[in-house]
N, C-alpha and C. Protein backbone atom coordinates (compact mmCIF):
# COMPACT_ATOMS: atom_id res chain seq x y z
N UNK A 1 0.83 -1.19 0.00
CA UNK A 1 0.00 0.00 0.00
C UNK A 1 0.87 1.25 0.00
N UNK A 2 0.26 2.34 -0.27
CA UNK A 2 0.94 3.61 -0.33
C UNK A 2 1.24 4.10 1.08
N UNK A 3 2.41 4.70 1.27
CA UNK A 3 2.72 5.22 2.59
C UNK A 3 1.87 6.46 2.86
N UNK A 4 1.54 6.73 4.13
CA UNK A 4 0.63 7.82 4.48
C UNK A 4 1.11 9.19 4.02
N UNK A 5 2.39 9.39 3.87
CA UNK A 5 2.91 10.68 3.44
C UNK A 5 2.58 11.00 2.00
N UNK A 6 2.16 10.02 1.22
CA UNK A 6 1.90 10.23 -0.19
C UNK A 6 0.42 10.35 -0.51
N UNK A 7 -0.41 10.61 0.49
CA UNK A 7 -1.85 10.71 0.25
C UNK A 7 -2.25 12.11 -0.19
N UNK A 8 -1.36 12.83 -0.81
CA UNK A 8 -1.68 14.17 -1.28
C UNK A 8 -2.27 14.09 -2.69
N UNK A 9 -2.92 15.14 -3.09
CA UNK A 9 -3.51 15.19 -4.42
C UNK A 9 -2.41 15.41 -5.46
N UNK A 10 -2.55 14.77 -6.59
CA UNK A 10 -1.55 14.89 -7.64
C UNK A 10 -1.67 16.24 -8.34
N UNK A 11 -0.53 16.80 -8.77
CA UNK A 11 -0.58 18.08 -9.47
C UNK A 11 -1.20 17.92 -10.86
N UNK A 12 -1.69 19.01 -11.43
CA UNK A 12 -2.26 18.93 -12.78
C UNK A 12 -1.17 18.61 -13.80
N UNK A 13 -1.59 18.00 -14.89
CA UNK A 13 -0.65 17.66 -15.97
C UNK A 13 -0.48 18.90 -16.84
N UNK A 14 0.76 19.37 -17.00
CA UNK A 14 0.99 20.56 -17.84
C UNK A 14 0.63 20.30 -19.30
N UNK A 15 0.39 21.38 -20.02
CA UNK A 15 0.03 21.28 -21.43
C UNK A 15 1.30 21.13 -22.26
N UNK A 16 1.83 19.92 -22.28
CA UNK A 16 3.01 19.59 -23.07
C UNK A 16 2.70 18.34 -23.86
N UNK A 17 3.49 18.11 -24.92
CA UNK A 17 3.27 16.92 -25.73
C UNK A 17 4.02 15.71 -25.16
N UNK A 18 5.26 15.91 -24.74
CA UNK A 18 6.08 14.81 -24.24
C UNK A 18 6.63 15.13 -22.85
N UNK A 19 6.78 14.08 -22.05
CA UNK A 19 7.31 14.20 -20.69
C UNK A 19 8.41 13.18 -20.50
N UNK A 20 9.47 13.57 -19.79
CA UNK A 20 10.53 12.62 -19.47
C UNK A 20 10.09 11.76 -18.29
N UNK A 21 10.83 10.70 -18.04
CA UNK A 21 10.49 9.80 -16.93
C UNK A 21 10.57 10.54 -15.59
N UNK A 22 11.50 11.48 -15.48
CA UNK A 22 11.61 12.27 -14.24
C UNK A 22 10.39 13.14 -14.01
N UNK A 23 9.91 13.78 -15.08
CA UNK A 23 8.72 14.63 -14.96
C UNK A 23 7.49 13.78 -14.60
N UNK A 24 7.37 12.63 -15.25
CA UNK A 24 6.23 11.74 -14.98
C UNK A 24 6.30 11.25 -13.53
N UNK A 25 7.50 10.95 -13.09
CA UNK A 25 7.69 10.49 -11.72
C UNK A 25 7.17 11.53 -10.72
N UNK A 26 7.49 12.79 -10.95
CA UNK A 26 7.04 13.85 -10.04
C UNK A 26 5.54 14.09 -10.16
N UNK A 27 5.02 14.13 -11.39
CA UNK A 27 3.61 14.45 -11.60
C UNK A 27 2.67 13.34 -11.17
N UNK A 28 3.17 12.10 -11.16
CA UNK A 28 2.32 10.96 -10.79
C UNK A 28 2.68 10.40 -9.41
N UNK A 29 3.70 10.96 -8.77
CA UNK A 29 4.14 10.51 -7.45
C UNK A 29 4.47 9.02 -7.44
N UNK A 30 5.26 8.62 -8.45
CA UNK A 30 5.72 7.23 -8.59
C UNK A 30 7.19 7.29 -8.97
N UNK A 31 8.01 6.48 -8.34
CA UNK A 31 9.44 6.50 -8.61
C UNK A 31 9.72 5.96 -10.02
N UNK A 32 10.83 6.44 -10.65
CA UNK A 32 11.14 6.01 -12.02
C UNK A 32 11.30 4.50 -12.18
N UNK A 33 11.90 3.82 -11.20
CA UNK A 33 12.08 2.37 -11.35
C UNK A 33 10.73 1.65 -11.33
N UNK A 34 9.75 2.22 -10.63
CA UNK A 34 8.40 1.64 -10.61
C UNK A 34 7.75 1.82 -11.98
N UNK A 35 7.94 2.99 -12.58
CA UNK A 35 7.39 3.23 -13.93
C UNK A 35 7.97 2.24 -14.93
N UNK A 36 9.27 2.01 -14.86
CA UNK A 36 9.90 1.04 -15.78
C UNK A 36 9.35 -0.36 -15.54
N UNK A 37 9.11 -0.72 -14.29
CA UNK A 37 8.55 -2.03 -13.98
C UNK A 37 7.12 -2.14 -14.52
N UNK A 38 6.33 -1.09 -14.32
CA UNK A 38 4.96 -1.11 -14.81
C UNK A 38 4.90 -1.28 -16.33
N UNK A 39 5.89 -0.75 -17.04
CA UNK A 39 5.93 -0.93 -18.49
C UNK A 39 6.01 -2.41 -18.86
N UNK A 40 6.68 -3.21 -18.04
CA UNK A 40 6.78 -4.64 -18.32
C UNK A 40 5.51 -5.38 -17.94
N UNK A 41 4.76 -4.86 -16.98
CA UNK A 41 3.57 -5.53 -16.48
C UNK A 41 2.27 -5.12 -17.19
N UNK A 42 2.24 -3.92 -17.73
CA UNK A 42 1.03 -3.40 -18.38
C UNK A 42 1.34 -3.12 -19.85
N UNK A 43 0.91 -4.00 -20.75
CA UNK A 43 1.23 -3.83 -22.17
C UNK A 43 0.70 -2.53 -22.78
N UNK A 44 -0.37 -1.99 -22.24
CA UNK A 44 -0.93 -0.75 -22.79
C UNK A 44 -0.08 0.47 -22.44
N UNK A 45 0.83 0.33 -21.50
CA UNK A 45 1.72 1.43 -21.12
C UNK A 45 3.02 1.27 -21.90
N UNK A 46 3.13 2.04 -22.98
CA UNK A 46 4.29 1.91 -23.85
C UNK A 46 4.74 3.29 -24.32
N UNK A 47 5.64 3.94 -23.55
CA UNK A 47 6.10 5.27 -23.96
C UNK A 47 6.99 5.18 -25.21
N UNK A 48 7.08 6.30 -25.92
CA UNK A 48 7.97 6.36 -27.08
C UNK A 48 9.40 6.35 -26.58
N UNK A 49 10.25 5.64 -27.31
CA UNK A 49 11.67 5.62 -26.94
C UNK A 49 12.46 6.26 -28.06
N UNK A 50 13.38 7.13 -27.68
CA UNK A 50 14.18 7.85 -28.66
C UNK A 50 15.66 7.54 -28.44
N UNK A 51 16.48 8.46 -28.89
CA UNK A 51 17.94 8.28 -28.79
C UNK A 51 18.36 7.80 -27.41
N UNK A 52 19.27 6.87 -27.39
CA UNK A 52 19.80 6.39 -26.11
C UNK A 52 18.76 5.67 -25.27
N UNK A 53 17.68 5.20 -25.91
CA UNK A 53 16.63 4.46 -25.22
C UNK A 53 15.90 5.30 -24.18
N UNK A 54 15.90 6.63 -24.37
CA UNK A 54 15.19 7.53 -23.44
C UNK A 54 13.70 7.44 -23.65
N UNK A 55 12.97 7.42 -22.56
CA UNK A 55 11.51 7.31 -22.63
C UNK A 55 10.87 8.69 -22.68
N UNK A 56 9.85 8.80 -23.53
CA UNK A 56 9.06 10.03 -23.61
C UNK A 56 7.59 9.64 -23.53
N UNK A 57 6.96 10.09 -22.46
CA UNK A 57 5.57 9.78 -22.20
C UNK A 57 4.69 10.88 -22.77
N UNK A 58 3.49 10.49 -23.23
CA UNK A 58 2.51 11.46 -23.69
C UNK A 58 1.39 11.55 -22.66
N UNK A 59 0.47 12.47 -22.90
CA UNK A 59 -0.61 12.72 -21.94
C UNK A 59 -1.41 11.46 -21.65
N UNK A 60 -1.72 10.66 -22.68
CA UNK A 60 -2.50 9.44 -22.45
C UNK A 60 -1.72 8.44 -21.59
N UNK A 61 -0.38 8.44 -21.72
CA UNK A 61 0.43 7.59 -20.86
C UNK A 61 0.33 8.04 -19.41
N UNK A 62 0.35 9.37 -19.21
CA UNK A 62 0.26 9.92 -17.85
C UNK A 62 -1.09 9.54 -17.21
N UNK A 63 -2.16 9.63 -17.99
CA UNK A 63 -3.47 9.27 -17.46
C UNK A 63 -3.52 7.78 -17.12
N UNK A 64 -2.90 6.96 -17.95
CA UNK A 64 -2.85 5.51 -17.69
C UNK A 64 -2.05 5.25 -16.41
N UNK A 65 -0.93 5.92 -16.23
CA UNK A 65 -0.10 5.74 -15.03
C UNK A 65 -0.89 6.15 -13.78
N UNK A 66 -1.61 7.25 -13.87
CA UNK A 66 -2.40 7.68 -12.72
C UNK A 66 -3.51 6.69 -12.42
N UNK A 67 -4.07 6.08 -13.46
CA UNK A 67 -5.11 5.08 -13.24
C UNK A 67 -4.50 3.82 -12.61
N UNK A 68 -3.35 3.39 -13.08
CA UNK A 68 -2.66 2.24 -12.49
C UNK A 68 -2.33 2.53 -11.04
N UNK A 69 -1.80 3.72 -10.78
CA UNK A 69 -1.44 4.11 -9.41
C UNK A 69 -2.66 4.05 -8.50
N UNK A 70 -3.78 4.56 -9.00
CA UNK A 70 -5.02 4.55 -8.22
C UNK A 70 -5.46 3.12 -7.92
N UNK A 71 -5.42 2.26 -8.92
CA UNK A 71 -5.83 0.87 -8.72
C UNK A 71 -4.93 0.16 -7.70
N UNK A 72 -3.62 0.37 -7.82
CA UNK A 72 -2.69 -0.34 -6.95
C UNK A 72 -2.61 0.26 -5.54
N UNK A 73 -2.47 1.56 -5.46
CA UNK A 73 -2.19 2.19 -4.17
C UNK A 73 -3.44 2.60 -3.40
N UNK A 74 -4.47 3.04 -4.10
CA UNK A 74 -5.65 3.55 -3.41
C UNK A 74 -6.75 2.50 -3.28
N UNK A 75 -6.93 1.68 -4.33
CA UNK A 75 -8.01 0.70 -4.32
C UNK A 75 -7.54 -0.69 -3.88
N UNK A 76 -6.23 -0.88 -3.75
CA UNK A 76 -5.70 -2.13 -3.20
C UNK A 76 -5.63 -3.31 -4.15
N UNK A 77 -5.67 -3.06 -5.44
CA UNK A 77 -5.54 -4.15 -6.41
C UNK A 77 -4.12 -4.69 -6.42
N UNK A 78 -3.98 -5.96 -6.81
CA UNK A 78 -2.66 -6.52 -7.08
C UNK A 78 -2.29 -6.13 -8.51
N UNK A 79 -1.04 -6.38 -8.88
CA UNK A 79 -0.61 -6.09 -10.26
C UNK A 79 -1.48 -6.88 -11.24
N UNK A 80 -1.68 -8.17 -10.96
CA UNK A 80 -2.49 -9.00 -11.84
C UNK A 80 -3.93 -8.52 -11.92
N UNK A 81 -4.50 -8.15 -10.79
CA UNK A 81 -5.87 -7.66 -10.76
C UNK A 81 -6.01 -6.34 -11.51
N UNK A 82 -5.04 -5.47 -11.34
CA UNK A 82 -5.08 -4.19 -12.04
C UNK A 82 -4.94 -4.41 -13.55
N UNK A 83 -4.08 -5.35 -13.94
CA UNK A 83 -3.90 -5.66 -15.36
C UNK A 83 -5.21 -6.17 -15.96
N UNK A 84 -5.87 -7.08 -15.23
CA UNK A 84 -7.16 -7.60 -15.70
C UNK A 84 -8.19 -6.48 -15.80
N UNK A 85 -8.21 -5.62 -14.83
CA UNK A 85 -9.17 -4.51 -14.82
C UNK A 85 -8.94 -3.59 -16.01
N UNK A 86 -7.67 -3.30 -16.31
CA UNK A 86 -7.36 -2.39 -17.42
C UNK A 86 -7.52 -3.08 -18.77
N UNK A 87 -7.12 -4.33 -18.88
CA UNK A 87 -7.21 -5.05 -20.14
C UNK A 87 -8.65 -5.42 -20.47
N UNK A 88 -9.49 -5.51 -19.44
CA UNK A 88 -10.89 -5.82 -19.67
C UNK A 88 -11.59 -4.75 -20.50
N UNK A 89 -11.10 -3.53 -20.42
CA UNK A 89 -11.62 -2.40 -21.19
C UNK A 89 -13.15 -2.29 -21.07
N UNK A 90 -13.66 -2.56 -19.87
CA UNK A 90 -15.10 -2.43 -19.68
C UNK A 90 -15.47 -0.96 -19.49
N UNK A 91 -16.73 -0.72 -19.42
CA UNK A 91 -17.23 0.66 -19.33
C UNK A 91 -16.76 1.34 -18.05
N UNK A 92 -16.63 0.59 -16.96
CA UNK A 92 -16.20 1.20 -15.70
C UNK A 92 -14.77 1.70 -15.79
N UNK A 93 -13.90 0.97 -16.50
CA UNK A 93 -12.53 1.41 -16.68
C UNK A 93 -12.47 2.69 -17.49
N UNK A 94 -13.28 2.74 -18.53
CA UNK A 94 -13.33 3.95 -19.35
C UNK A 94 -13.93 5.10 -18.56
N UNK A 95 -14.90 4.80 -17.71
CA UNK A 95 -15.51 5.84 -16.89
C UNK A 95 -14.49 6.41 -15.90
N UNK A 96 -13.65 5.54 -15.34
CA UNK A 96 -12.62 6.02 -14.41
C UNK A 96 -11.63 6.93 -15.12
N UNK A 97 -11.25 6.56 -16.34
CA UNK A 97 -10.34 7.38 -17.12
C UNK A 97 -11.00 8.71 -17.46
N UNK A 98 -12.27 8.67 -17.81
CA UNK A 98 -13.01 9.90 -18.11
C UNK A 98 -13.08 10.80 -16.89
N UNK A 99 -13.29 10.20 -15.72
CA UNK A 99 -13.34 11.00 -14.49
C UNK A 99 -12.00 11.68 -14.24
N UNK A 100 -10.89 10.98 -14.52
CA UNK A 100 -9.58 11.59 -14.34
C UNK A 100 -9.39 12.76 -15.30
N UNK A 101 -9.85 12.60 -16.54
CA UNK A 101 -9.72 13.67 -17.52
C UNK A 101 -10.55 14.87 -17.08
N UNK A 102 -11.78 14.61 -16.63
CA UNK A 102 -12.66 15.69 -16.19
C UNK A 102 -12.05 16.41 -14.98
N UNK A 103 -11.50 15.65 -14.06
CA UNK A 103 -10.88 16.25 -12.88
C UNK A 103 -9.69 17.12 -13.29
N UNK A 104 -8.89 16.64 -14.24
CA UNK A 104 -7.73 17.38 -14.72
C UNK A 104 -8.16 18.68 -15.39
N UNK A 105 -9.17 18.61 -16.24
CA UNK A 105 -9.66 19.81 -16.93
C UNK A 105 -10.21 20.81 -15.92
N UNK A 106 -10.90 20.32 -14.91
CA UNK A 106 -11.46 21.21 -13.89
C UNK A 106 -10.36 21.95 -13.14
N UNK A 107 -9.30 21.23 -12.77
CA UNK A 107 -8.18 21.85 -12.07
C UNK A 107 -7.53 22.92 -12.95
N UNK A 108 -7.34 22.60 -14.23
CA UNK A 108 -6.73 23.56 -15.14
C UNK A 108 -7.61 24.80 -15.33
N UNK A 109 -8.92 24.59 -15.42
CA UNK A 109 -9.84 25.71 -15.56
C UNK A 109 -9.86 26.59 -14.31
N UNK A 110 -9.75 25.97 -13.14
CA UNK A 110 -9.69 26.75 -11.91
C UNK A 110 -8.42 27.59 -11.86
N UNK A 111 -7.32 27.05 -12.37
CA UNK A 111 -6.08 27.82 -12.43
C UNK A 111 -6.22 29.00 -13.36
N UNK A 112 -6.86 28.80 -14.51
CA UNK A 112 -7.08 29.90 -15.46
C UNK A 112 -7.97 30.95 -14.82
N UNK A 113 -9.00 30.52 -14.12
CA UNK A 113 -9.90 31.46 -13.45
C UNK A 113 -9.14 32.31 -12.43
N UNK A 114 -8.25 31.67 -11.67
CA UNK A 114 -7.45 32.42 -10.69
C UNK A 114 -6.56 33.45 -11.38
N UNK A 115 -5.99 33.07 -12.53
CA UNK A 115 -5.15 34.00 -13.27
C UNK A 115 -5.97 35.19 -13.80
N UNK A 116 -7.18 34.91 -14.23
CA UNK A 116 -8.04 35.97 -14.77
C UNK A 116 -8.52 36.92 -13.68
N UNK A 117 -8.65 36.44 -12.47
CA UNK A 117 -9.11 37.28 -11.36
C UNK A 117 -8.05 38.25 -10.89
N UNK A 118 -6.82 38.03 -11.24
CA UNK A 118 -5.73 38.89 -10.78
C UNK A 118 -5.72 40.21 -11.50
């Protein structure tokens, strides 16, 4: 399970096309070695690899990582159970991903609103 110090809310995902493993690690509150391990366990998580085998994650990868993190750390799934849940591609999995997207958009809109109020 997740340690109690990490029960904070995740920061919003910046409007960028590609993210390095370090940036993803900070934005998703998951260590880089865990991200590399998850790539071997979850076939749908496949970042682009460029020169020197460097990983570049896109927004959909970040949402997938946050969903995996939620299943494993917050909902208590095992790796196998989380894999089945994600590979099942049922409506509830898509609904959870949609909820994450909606939450992300809401946070970004609140930030824009705060900037406009200044």
